[in-house]
């Protein structure tokens, strides 16, 4: 690649965590500045994988220093590109990121065991790497990062449900009924094009485990998270899940309503419940992400006081089985 210094692209598994510390610290600064997220927990998890030589990807090295990286994780026949980042003070930081992405995409597209590629580079503004993704044959879906300031929510929101339904906090045993609800709620939904985990109960369980048990998106808060359940059969008709992503910020990781129970104000109520409990924990703002094609949800979020603070891209590739 053209650069003022010689840059090598090498297998990420050749590097231990200390060699990427400067890169991860610079990335943490960007997450804090752009999204108000504390990236340290994610960085610690990445460093564990790096030390175990378990993280597939590439590192950009110049003058014996790692200045950028890209990685993916494999889920059966799917590869998820988790991140790409180069230290912003590098004169060719954007070019380095694009070179790293091209190397990884070339590897994945030409890997017979990979039938699907997904990526959501949350911290990168929409369009930053769109050309590289399109060159590799990926489809892009713009997503919105929306934020609501939290203030004056000292009284619990009004809960108005039918007599056969109840609202209650999240419990440890809720994973299975929640997975069934998510699978039903996202049937023929735009987000199921972006994340195929939503298309099956098994995939939804994987998604929930990542959120609830493995801190895949901040520190999960059972106090914030609530479900609406049938009093008789205990099945879920709606839920909201929330995580703390920094001392001052909460994030809605999931809000969904069963198709048979929509347009009854449940999503609005659950958002208010989550906001109330986040504020009681000391958060001063709350965020969520939504696909641009989901205009109905965006209208609801605007009505609830959210604004769009950032736009980013989701990218998807599926192997052409007829080729």
Protein backbone atom coordinates (compact mmCIF):
# COMPACT_ATOMS: atom_id res chain seq x y z
CA UNK A 1 0.00 0.00 0.00
CA UNK A 2 1.12 3.55 -0.65
CA UNK A 3 2.31 5.21 2.52
CA UNK A 4 5.05 7.47 3.77
CA UNK A 5 6.36 4.54 5.79
CA UNK A 6 6.47 0.86 5.01
CA UNK A 7 3.35 -0.84 6.42
CA UNK A 8 2.89 -4.60 6.61
CA UNK A 9 -0.42 -6.45 6.93
CA UNK A 10 0.12 -9.54 9.07
CA UNK A 11 -1.97 -12.26 10.70
CA UNK A 12 -3.49 -10.85 13.90
CA UNK A 13 -2.85 -14.13 15.73
CA UNK A 14 0.87 -13.42 15.67
CA UNK A 15 0.40 -10.58 18.15
CA UNK A 16 -0.18 -10.55 21.89
CA UNK A 17 -2.38 -8.09 23.74
CA UNK A 18 0.37 -5.67 24.87
CA UNK A 19 1.32 -5.07 21.25
CA UNK A 20 -2.17 -3.70 20.52
CA UNK A 21 -2.60 -1.72 23.72
CA UNK A 22 -1.91 1.67 22.09
CA UNK A 23 -4.41 0.91 19.30
CA UNK A 24 -7.12 -0.16 21.74
CA UNK A 25 -6.57 2.88 23.93
CA UNK A 26 -6.90 5.18 20.93
CA UNK A 27 -10.05 3.36 19.91
CA UNK A 28 -11.44 3.70 23.42
CA UNK A 29 -10.98 7.46 23.17
CA UNK A 30 -13.00 7.51 19.95
CA UNK A 31 -15.86 5.45 21.44
CA UNK A 32 -16.01 7.79 24.43
CA UNK A 33 -15.94 10.91 22.28
CA UNK A 34 -18.37 9.82 19.59
CA UNK A 35 -20.84 7.57 21.44
CA UNK A 36 -20.17 8.23 25.16
CA UNK A 37 -19.39 4.52 25.58
CA UNK A 38 -16.76 3.02 27.85
CA UNK A 39 -14.78 0.72 25.57
CA UNK A 40 -12.55 -0.75 28.29
CA UNK A 41 -14.61 -3.91 28.91
CA UNK A 42 -14.62 -4.70 25.18
CA UNK A 43 -10.88 -4.03 25.00
CA UNK A 44 -10.20 -6.40 27.91
CA UNK A 45 -12.18 -9.15 26.18
CA UNK A 46 -10.30 -8.57 22.93
CA UNK A 47 -6.99 -8.73 24.75
CA UNK A 48 -7.92 -12.10 26.26
CA UNK A 49 -8.58 -13.46 22.78
CA UNK A 50 -5.37 -11.92 21.50
CA UNK A 51 -3.29 -13.51 24.25
CA UNK A 52 -4.90 -16.87 23.46
CA UNK A 53 -4.11 -16.39 19.75
CA UNK A 54 -7.82 -16.98 19.05
CA UNK A 55 -8.81 -13.83 17.15
CA UNK A 56 -8.91 -14.18 13.35
CA UNK A 57 -7.94 -11.02 11.51
CA UNK A 58 -5.06 -8.82 10.46
CA UNK A 59 -2.77 -6.22 12.03
CA UNK A 60 -1.15 -3.25 10.29
CA UNK A 61 2.46 -2.85 11.42
CA UNK A 62 4.80 0.08 10.78
CA UNK A 63 8.23 0.61 12.37
CA UNK A 64 7.65 -2.52 14.49
CA UNK A 65 4.49 -0.99 16.00
CA UNK A 66 0.90 -2.17 15.52
CA UNK A 67 -1.02 0.83 14.20
CA UNK A 68 -4.30 -0.82 13.21
CA UNK A 69 -6.27 -4.06 13.22
CA UNK A 70 -9.35 -5.81 11.92
CA UNK A 71 -10.95 -8.97 13.28
CA UNK A 72 -13.88 -11.30 12.82
CA UNK A 73 -15.58 -14.09 14.71
CA UNK A 74 -17.03 -17.24 13.21
CA UNK A 75 -20.52 -18.49 14.02
CA UNK A 76 -20.89 -21.83 12.25
CA UNK A 77 -20.90 -20.85 8.52
CA UNK A 78 -21.19 -17.11 9.22
CA UNK A 79 -18.37 -14.63 9.80
CA UNK A 80 -19.06 -11.42 11.71
CA UNK A 81 -16.57 -8.58 11.18
CA UNK A 82 -16.31 -7.17 14.68
CA UNK A 83 -14.20 -4.09 14.10
CA UNK A 84 -11.61 -2.27 12.04
CA UNK A 85 -9.53 0.57 13.43
CA UNK A 86 -6.30 2.43 12.82
CA UNK A 87 -4.75 5.01 15.13
CA UNK A 88 -6.20 8.34 13.90
CA UNK A 89 -2.92 10.19 14.23
CA UNK A 90 -1.45 8.01 11.50
CA UNK A 91 -1.31 10.08 8.29
CA UNK A 92 -2.95 7.29 6.28
CA UNK A 93 -5.32 5.97 8.95
CA UNK A 94 -8.33 5.69 6.63
CA UNK A 95 -6.28 3.96 3.95
CA UNK A 96 -4.88 1.54 6.53
CA UNK A 97 -8.40 0.62 7.67
CA UNK A 98 -9.52 0.06 4.08
CA UNK A 99 -6.49 -2.14 3.36
CA UNK A 100 -7.18 -4.20 6.47
CA UNK A 101 -10.82 -4.60 5.49
CA UNK A 102 -9.91 -5.67 1.94
CA UNK A 103 -7.56 -8.35 3.27
CA UNK A 104 -10.20 -9.75 5.61
CA UNK A 105 -13.04 -9.59 3.08
CA UNK A 106 -10.90 -11.33 0.46
CA UNK A 107 -10.14 -14.09 2.97
CA UNK A 108 -13.78 -14.53 3.96
CA UNK A 109 -15.34 -14.37 0.50
CA UNK A 110 -12.86 -17.01 -0.70
CA UNK A 111 -13.34 -19.30 2.31
CA UNK A 112 -15.59 -22.21 1.25
CA UNK A 113 -16.85 -22.69 4.80
CA UNK A 114 -18.19 -19.12 4.98
CA UNK A 115 -21.67 -18.68 3.50
CA UNK A 116 -22.53 -15.33 5.08
CA UNK A 117 -20.69 -12.20 6.25
CA UNK A 118 -22.18 -9.57 8.56
CA UNK A 119 -20.71 -6.36 9.88
CA UNK A 120 -21.91 -3.37 11.90
CA UNK A 121 -19.07 -0.91 12.44
CA UNK A 122 -20.91 1.20 14.99
CA UNK A 123 -18.22 3.78 15.69
CA UNK A 124 -17.53 4.58 12.01
CA UNK A 125 -19.83 7.14 10.35
CA UNK A 126 -22.00 5.90 7.50
CA UNK A 127 -20.12 5.82 4.21
CA UNK A 128 -16.66 5.62 5.78
CA UNK A 129 -15.90 2.20 4.27
CA UNK A 130 -18.90 1.71 2.00
CA UNK A 131 -16.81 1.51 -1.18
CA UNK A 132 -14.72 -1.38 0.18
CA UNK A 133 -17.80 -3.33 1.23
CA UNK A 134 -19.52 -2.78 -2.11
CA UNK A 135 -16.39 -3.82 -4.01
CA UNK A 136 -16.52 -7.14 -2.16
CA UNK A 137 -20.20 -7.61 -3.02
CA UNK A 138 -21.76 -6.70 0.32
CA UNK A 139 -25.11 -4.92 0.62
CA UNK A 140 -25.27 -1.88 2.91
CA UNK A 141 -28.05 -0.85 5.27
CA UNK A 142 -27.82 2.53 7.01
CA UNK A 143 -28.55 2.54 10.73
CA UNK A 144 -29.19 5.35 13.19
CA UNK A 145 -27.68 5.76 16.65
CA UNK A 146 -30.33 7.69 18.57
CA UNK A 147 -29.95 9.41 21.93
CA UNK A 148 -32.38 10.76 24.52
CA UNK A 149 -31.35 12.91 27.50
CA UNK A 150 -32.73 11.68 30.83
CA UNK A 151 -34.21 14.25 33.14
CA UNK A 152 -37.18 14.64 35.53
CA UNK A 153 -38.11 10.95 35.41
CA UNK A 154 -38.55 10.57 39.13
CA UNK A 155 -42.02 8.98 39.02
CA UNK A 156 -42.59 5.51 37.54
CA UNK A 157 -44.36 5.62 34.16
CA UNK A 158 -47.99 4.66 33.95
CA UNK A 159 -48.55 1.00 33.12
CA UNK A 160 -51.90 0.29 31.43
CA UNK A 161 -52.19 -3.35 30.40
CA UNK A 162 -55.02 -5.79 29.84
CA UNK A 163 -55.94 -7.90 32.84
CA UNK A 164 -54.42 -11.05 31.37
CA UNK A 165 -51.00 -9.40 30.95
CA UNK A 166 -48.37 -8.38 33.49
CA UNK A 167 -45.23 -6.26 33.43
CA UNK A 168 -42.29 -7.55 35.46
CA UNK A 169 -38.50 -7.23 35.64
CA UNK A 170 -36.19 -9.63 33.80
CA UNK A 171 -35.34 -12.97 35.42
CA UNK A 172 -32.50 -15.39 34.80
CA UNK A 173 -34.89 -18.01 33.43
CA UNK A 174 -36.33 -15.67 30.77
CA UNK A 175 -33.92 -16.49 27.93
CA UNK A 176 -36.02 -19.15 26.20
CA UNK A 177 -39.38 -17.33 26.09
CA UNK A 178 -37.54 -14.14 25.13
CA UNK A 179 -35.89 -15.97 22.21
CA UNK A 180 -39.27 -17.19 21.01
CA UNK A 181 -40.64 -13.66 21.15
CA UNK A 182 -37.70 -12.15 19.26
CA UNK A 183 -38.00 -14.76 16.51
CA UNK A 184 -41.71 -13.93 16.06
CA UNK A 185 -41.25 -10.16 16.36
CA UNK A 186 -38.56 -10.01 13.66
CA UNK A 187 -40.28 -12.26 11.12
CA UNK A 188 -40.12 -10.37 7.76
CA UNK A 189 -38.54 -7.42 9.60
CA UNK A 190 -35.77 -5.26 8.02
CA UNK A 191 -33.39 -6.13 10.86
CA UNK A 192 -33.62 -9.84 10.03
CA UNK A 193 -31.81 -9.01 6.79
CA UNK A 194 -28.94 -7.54 8.80
CA UNK A 195 -28.73 -10.10 11.62
CA UNK A 196 -29.82 -13.62 10.72
CA UNK A 197 -29.87 -14.58 14.42
CA UNK A 198 -33.35 -13.07 14.57
CA UNK A 199 -34.67 -15.66 12.11
CA UNK A 200 -34.65 -18.64 14.48
CA UNK A 201 -35.12 -19.38 18.16
CA UNK A 202 -31.63 -20.90 18.24
CA UNK A 203 -30.11 -17.76 16.74
CA UNK A 204 -32.11 -15.51 19.07
CA UNK A 205 -30.79 -17.50 22.04
CA UNK A 206 -27.25 -16.85 20.82
CA UNK A 207 -28.03 -13.14 20.52
CA UNK A 208 -29.53 -13.03 24.03
CA UNK A 209 -26.65 -14.93 25.58
CA UNK A 210 -24.21 -12.43 24.11
CA UNK A 211 -26.23 -9.52 25.53
CA UNK A 212 -27.23 -10.94 28.92
CA UNK A 213 -24.43 -13.28 29.95
CA UNK A 214 -21.34 -12.16 28.09
CA UNK A 215 -21.64 -8.35 28.13
CA UNK A 216 -21.67 -8.17 24.35
CA UNK A 217 -23.03 -4.64 24.56
CA UNK A 218 -22.15 -3.12 27.91
CA UNK A 219 -23.08 -4.42 31.35
CA UNK A 220 -26.55 -5.98 31.23
CA UNK A 221 -29.04 -4.48 33.72
CA UNK A 222 -31.79 -6.81 34.92
CA UNK A 223 -33.32 -3.87 36.83
CA UNK A 224 -33.79 -1.88 33.63
CA UNK A 225 -34.93 -4.86 31.53
CA UNK A 226 -38.61 -5.81 31.64
CA UNK A 227 -41.02 -8.21 29.96
CA UNK A 228 -44.76 -8.22 29.34
CA UNK A 229 -46.04 -11.77 29.87
CA UNK A 230 -49.34 -13.65 29.79
CA UNK A 231 -50.50 -14.41 33.31
CA UNK A 232 -51.76 -17.85 32.21
CA UNK A 233 -49.31 -19.43 29.74
CA UNK A 234 -46.34 -17.18 30.78
CA UNK A 235 -45.42 -16.52 27.14
CA UNK A 236 -43.92 -13.09 26.38
CA UNK A 237 -45.68 -10.53 24.22
CA UNK A 238 -43.14 -7.69 24.58
CA UNK A 239 -39.78 -6.91 26.17
CA UNK A 240 -37.10 -4.29 26.60
CA UNK A 241 -33.48 -5.04 27.46
CA UNK A 242 -30.96 -2.48 28.66
CA UNK A 243 -27.23 -2.32 29.41
CA UNK A 244 -24.96 0.29 30.96
CA UNK A 245 -22.32 1.34 28.44
CA UNK A 246 -20.71 3.98 30.69
CA UNK A 247 -21.48 5.51 34.10
CA UNK A 248 -23.61 8.20 32.45
CA UNK A 249 -25.08 6.26 29.53
CA UNK A 250 -27.59 3.45 29.17
CA UNK A 251 -28.31 1.59 25.95
CA UNK A 252 -31.47 -0.21 24.82
CA UNK A 253 -30.11 -3.45 23.38
CA UNK A 254 -33.54 -4.79 22.40
CA UNK A 255 -37.16 -3.66 22.36
CA UNK A 256 -39.78 -5.71 20.56
CA UNK A 257 -43.49 -6.52 20.59
CA UNK A 258 -45.23 -9.62 19.25
CA UNK A 259 -47.02 -8.78 15.97
CA UNK A 260 -50.43 -9.66 17.48
CA UNK A 261 -49.97 -7.05 20.22
CA UNK A 262 -48.65 -4.06 18.29
CA UNK A 263 -50.26 -0.61 18.17
CA UNK A 264 -51.29 -0.90 21.82
CA UNK A 265 -48.62 1.40 23.24
CA UNK A 266 -46.42 -1.37 24.65
CA UNK A 267 -43.17 -0.27 23.02
CA UNK A 268 -43.71 3.31 24.22
CA UNK A 269 -44.44 2.07 27.74
CA UNK A 270 -41.37 -0.19 27.83
CA UNK A 271 -39.12 2.62 26.62
CA UNK A 272 -40.43 4.80 29.44
CA UNK A 273 -39.90 2.02 32.00
CA UNK A 274 -36.31 1.50 30.85
CA UNK A 275 -35.60 5.24 30.87
CA UNK A 276 -36.96 5.57 34.42
CA UNK A 277 -34.78 2.75 35.74
CA UNK A 278 -31.70 3.98 33.89
CA UNK A 279 -32.13 7.40 35.48
CA UNK A 280 -32.51 5.81 38.92
CA UNK A 281 -29.12 4.17 38.30
CA UNK A 282 -27.56 7.55 37.62
CA UNK A 283 -27.56 7.62 33.82
CA UNK A 284 -28.03 10.99 32.17
CA UNK A 285 -28.73 9.72 28.66
CA UNK A 286 -30.06 6.66 26.90
CA UNK A 287 -29.33 5.40 23.39
CA UNK A 288 -30.52 2.80 20.90
CA UNK A 289 -29.92 1.81 17.29
CA UNK A 290 -32.47 1.39 14.53
CA UNK A 291 -32.35 0.58 10.84
CA UNK A 292 -33.17 3.53 8.58
CA UNK A 293 -35.77 1.45 6.71
CA UNK A 294 -37.77 0.98 9.93
CA UNK A 295 -39.54 4.33 9.69
CA UNK A 296 -42.36 3.39 12.07
CA UNK A 297 -39.89 2.74 14.88
CA UNK A 298 -37.93 5.91 14.08
CA UNK A 299 -41.13 7.97 14.30
CA UNK A 300 -41.81 6.47 17.74
CA UNK A 301 -38.32 7.26 18.97
CA UNK A 302 -38.53 10.85 17.75
CA UNK A 303 -41.90 11.19 19.51
CA UNK A 304 -40.29 9.91 22.72
CA UNK A 305 -37.61 12.58 22.62
CA UNK A 306 -34.75 10.78 20.88
CA UNK A 307 -32.56 12.53 18.34
CA UNK A 308 -30.18 11.02 15.78
CA UNK A 309 -26.66 11.49 17.05
CA UNK A 310 -24.79 9.32 14.57
CA UNK A 311 -25.32 7.16 11.48
CA UNK A 312 -23.39 4.02 10.63
CA UNK A 313 -23.57 1.13 8.16
CA UNK A 314 -24.48 -2.50 8.46
CA UNK A 315 -23.09 -4.73 5.70
CA UNK A 316 -24.20 -8.21 4.60
CA UNK A 317 -22.93 -10.74 2.09
CA UNK A 318 -24.49 -14.09 1.19
CA UNK A 319 -22.81 -16.69 -0.95
CA UNK A 320 -24.53 -17.22 -4.29
CA UNK A 321 -25.39 -20.90 -4.17
CA UNK A 322 -26.07 -20.97 -7.91
CA UNK A 323 -22.57 -19.77 -8.76
